[in-house]
Amino acid sequence: MFTLSEPSDREIAKYVSSQAKLPFSYAEAGATRSNLPSGYTLDHNRIQLGRGMEIYQRAVEALKQWRQFELGWVTLVPHGVKVETGAVVAVKARTGGVWSLNACRVVYVIDEAERFGFAYGTLPDHIERGEERFLIERQPNDDSVWYDILAFSRPRHALVKAGFPYARMLQKRFARDSMAVMKSVVKSA
């Protein structure tokens, strides 16, 4: 959904509700867990956040609060949605003077002793088709803590198809900004 003005909370609630019962817009739901599908653009970005259990716990808490989306030009709405399988959210972004809402549903959650994360997949009104996984990992051998983003996508909306290089630039910007905000969040907590 594209608009010239920022969507209100009411408009966001209506939009998310309209997408909540719809199926994923791609057939490979859950593929970021194991085998990535062909025919998509693949992105994998990873950054070390620090070392130790305290950094790991801060990073997990930040992911549970969707802090990786607090980028200024991108945010996740509605606020306060719990990270759980089936949760429906929208990515709200402002680029090129236009606002957009893009609906996603949490496909799965990883909640292990040294790994926490989740993947969400696109719903029919999203401008892309695909899935993105956000993961925090603590390596037992050196106590390092990592933030990992893995995604596969392809354009769904005609504007994204026509402006594919610009869309790719925004995807790369999102990954770079998301990693920077996560690094900042765990250090300042």
Protein backbone atom coordinates (compact mmCIF):
# COMPACT_ATOMS: atom_id res chain seq x y z
CA MET A 1 0.00 0.00 0.00
CA PHE A 2 1.42 3.36 -1.05
CA THR A 3 0.28 6.73 0.32
CA LEU A 4 1.47 10.32 0.10
CA SER A 5 0.88 10.90 3.81
CA GLU A 6 1.94 8.84 6.81
CA PRO A 7 -0.66 6.15 7.58
CA SER A 8 -2.57 6.72 10.82
CA ASP A 9 -2.82 4.08 13.55
CA ARG A 10 -6.39 3.44 12.42
CA GLU A 11 -5.33 2.94 8.79
CA ILE A 12 -2.52 0.64 9.91
CA ALA A 13 -4.88 -1.47 12.03
CA LYS A 14 -7.33 -1.76 9.13
CA TYR A 15 -4.54 -2.69 6.71
CA VAL A 16 -3.01 -5.36 8.99
CA SER A 17 -6.47 -6.80 9.68
CA SER A 18 -7.20 -7.00 5.94
CA GLN A 19 -4.05 -9.08 5.40
CA ALA A 20 -4.17 -11.24 8.54
CA LYS A 21 -6.13 -14.21 7.17
CA LEU A 22 -4.55 -14.24 3.71
CA PRO A 23 -1.98 -16.85 2.62
CA PHE A 24 1.68 -16.12 2.07
CA SER A 25 2.46 -14.63 -1.34
CA TYR A 26 5.11 -17.26 -2.08
CA ALA A 27 5.12 -21.06 -1.98
CA GLU A 28 8.36 -21.66 -0.06
CA ALA A 29 7.28 -20.63 3.46
CA GLY A 30 9.91 -21.68 5.99
CA ALA A 31 12.73 -22.03 3.45
CA THR A 32 15.07 -19.73 5.41
CA ARG A 33 15.24 -22.54 7.97
CA SER A 34 17.02 -24.92 5.58
CA ASN A 35 17.20 -24.86 1.78
CA LEU A 36 16.87 -21.52 0.05
CA PRO A 37 14.78 -21.66 -3.13
CA SER A 38 16.03 -20.82 -6.59
CA GLY A 39 14.56 -18.00 -8.66
CA TYR A 40 14.94 -15.37 -5.94
CA THR A 41 17.50 -12.73 -5.05
CA LEU A 42 19.38 -13.97 -1.98
CA ASP A 43 20.79 -11.71 0.73
CA HIS A 44 22.87 -12.76 3.71
CA ASN A 45 24.24 -10.16 6.12
CA ARG A 46 25.99 -10.83 9.41
CA ILE A 47 27.71 -8.69 12.03
CA GLN A 48 29.37 -9.44 15.35
CA LEU A 49 27.65 -7.53 18.15
CA GLY A 50 30.17 -8.34 20.86
CA ARG A 51 30.95 -11.15 23.27
CA GLY A 52 29.32 -12.70 26.29
CA MET A 53 25.98 -13.68 27.73
CA GLU A 54 25.00 -10.10 28.61
CA ILE A 55 25.40 -8.96 24.97
CA TYR A 56 23.48 -12.05 23.82
CA GLN A 57 20.59 -11.35 26.20
CA ARG A 58 20.44 -7.67 25.18
CA ALA A 59 20.39 -8.64 21.50
CA VAL A 60 17.64 -11.23 22.02
CA GLU A 61 15.54 -8.71 23.92
CA ALA A 62 16.04 -6.14 21.15
CA LEU A 63 14.92 -8.66 18.52
CA LYS A 64 11.84 -9.54 20.59
CA GLN A 65 10.96 -5.84 20.57
CA TRP A 66 11.55 -5.51 16.79
CA ARG A 67 14.29 -2.93 17.47
CA GLN A 68 16.07 -3.90 14.23
CA PHE A 69 13.34 -1.88 12.45
CA GLU A 70 13.89 1.37 14.36
CA LEU A 71 15.69 3.02 11.47
CA GLY A 72 13.96 6.37 11.10
CA TRP A 73 12.91 5.72 7.52
CA VAL A 74 11.54 2.26 8.43
CA THR A 75 9.57 1.06 11.43
CA LEU A 76 7.43 -1.93 12.28
CA VAL A 77 3.72 -1.49 13.01
CA PRO A 78 1.60 -1.92 14.99
CA HIS A 79 3.89 -1.45 17.96
CA GLY A 80 4.02 -4.05 20.71
CA VAL A 81 3.28 -7.15 18.59
CA LYS A 82 4.77 -10.22 20.24
CA VAL A 83 7.26 -12.21 18.17
CA GLU A 84 5.37 -15.48 17.75
CA THR A 85 4.42 -17.76 14.90
CA GLY A 86 1.40 -16.34 13.08
CA ALA A 87 1.83 -12.73 14.24
CA VAL A 88 0.98 -10.26 11.46
CA VAL A 89 2.81 -6.96 11.16
CA ALA A 90 3.53 -4.33 8.53
CA VAL A 91 6.78 -2.67 7.61
CA LYS A 92 6.12 1.06 7.36
CA ALA A 93 8.66 2.91 5.24
CA ARG A 94 9.15 6.36 3.79
CA THR A 95 11.24 6.51 0.64
CA GLY A 96 11.27 9.04 -2.14
CA GLY A 97 8.57 11.11 -0.43
CA VAL A 98 6.10 8.20 -0.46
CA TRP A 99 4.91 6.07 2.45
CA SER A 100 4.37 2.34 2.13
CA LEU A 101 2.95 -0.45 4.25
CA ASN A 102 4.01 -4.03 3.52
CA ALA A 103 2.32 -6.90 5.35
CA CYS A 104 4.21 -9.90 6.74
CA ARG A 105 3.45 -12.89 8.96
CA VAL A 106 5.88 -14.62 11.30
CA VAL A 107 6.55 -18.04 9.77
CA TYR A 108 8.53 -19.59 12.61
CA VAL A 109 10.45 -18.73 15.78
CA ILE A 110 13.81 -20.16 16.87
CA ASP A 111 14.19 -20.20 20.66
CA GLU A 112 17.21 -22.26 21.70
CA ALA A 113 19.88 -21.89 24.39
CA GLU A 114 22.30 -19.97 22.15
CA ARG A 115 20.09 -18.95 19.21
CA PHE A 116 17.01 -16.78 19.06
CA GLY A 117 15.30 -15.51 15.98
CA PHE A 118 12.37 -15.65 13.65
CA ALA A 119 11.43 -15.43 10.01
CA TYR A 120 8.58 -13.53 8.50
CA GLY A 121 7.08 -13.99 5.08
CA THR A 122 5.33 -11.64 2.72
CA LEU A 123 1.55 -11.46 2.42
CA PRO A 124 -0.37 -10.60 -0.79
CA ASP A 125 -0.17 -6.80 -0.50
CA HIS A 126 3.61 -6.72 0.06
CA ILE A 127 5.63 -5.15 -2.77
CA GLU A 128 7.99 -8.16 -2.73
CA ARG A 129 7.56 -11.94 -2.45
CA GLY A 130 9.76 -13.85 -0.07
CA GLU A 131 11.00 -14.39 3.43
CA GLU A 132 13.48 -12.81 5.83
CA ARG A 133 15.05 -14.37 8.90
CA PHE A 134 16.51 -12.39 11.80
CA LEU A 135 18.78 -14.37 14.12
CA ILE A 136 20.92 -13.77 17.19
CA GLU A 137 23.57 -16.44 17.80
CA ARG A 138 26.09 -16.94 20.60
CA GLN A 139 29.08 -19.06 19.57
CA PRO A 140 30.11 -21.33 22.46
CA ASN A 141 33.73 -21.70 21.29
CA ASP A 142 34.62 -17.98 21.61
CA ASP A 143 31.51 -16.44 23.26
CA SER A 144 30.97 -14.15 20.24
CA VAL A 145 27.45 -12.86 19.58
CA TRP A 146 26.23 -12.37 16.02
CA TYR A 147 23.25 -10.73 14.33
CA ASP A 148 22.36 -12.51 11.11
CA ILE A 149 19.85 -11.51 8.41
CA LEU A 150 19.01 -14.03 5.68
CA ALA A 151 16.46 -13.28 2.98
CA PHE A 152 15.18 -14.37 -0.38
CA SER A 153 12.92 -12.12 -2.41
CA ARG A 154 11.70 -11.10 -5.82
CA PRO A 155 9.57 -8.15 -6.92
CA ARG A 156 5.78 -8.52 -6.84
CA HIS A 157 4.58 -4.95 -7.46
CA ALA A 158 5.02 -3.38 -10.92
CA LEU A 159 6.84 -0.33 -9.48
CA VAL A 160 9.41 -2.60 -7.82
CA LYS A 161 9.89 -4.56 -11.03
CA ALA A 162 10.39 -1.34 -13.00
CA GLY A 163 12.68 0.16 -10.37
CA PHE A 164 14.57 -3.01 -9.44
CA PRO A 165 17.99 -1.32 -8.97
CA TYR A 166 16.40 1.21 -6.58
CA ALA A 167 14.60 -1.58 -4.71
CA ARG A 168 17.89 -3.48 -4.32
CA MET A 169 19.55 -0.33 -3.01
CA LEU A 170 16.80 -0.01 -0.38
CA GLN A 171 17.16 -3.69 0.62
CA LYS A 172 20.91 -3.23 1.09
CA ARG A 173 20.33 0.01 3.00
CA PHE A 174 17.86 -1.77 5.29
CA ALA A 175 20.38 -4.54 6.09
CA ARG A 176 23.19 -2.04 6.72
CA ASP A 177 21.02 0.22 8.90
CA SER A 178 19.49 -2.72 10.77
CA MET A 179 22.92 -4.11 11.65
CA ALA A 180 24.09 -0.68 12.80
CA VAL A 181 21.05 -0.15 15.02
CA MET A 182 21.41 -3.59 16.60
CA LYS A 183 25.08 -2.96 17.33
CA SER A 184 24.17 0.39 18.90
CA VAL A 185 21.27 -1.05 20.93
CA VAL A 186 23.33 -3.79 22.59
CA LYS A 187 26.16 -1.40 23.46
CA SER A 188 23.92 1.30 24.93
CA ALA A 189 21.60 -0.96 26.95
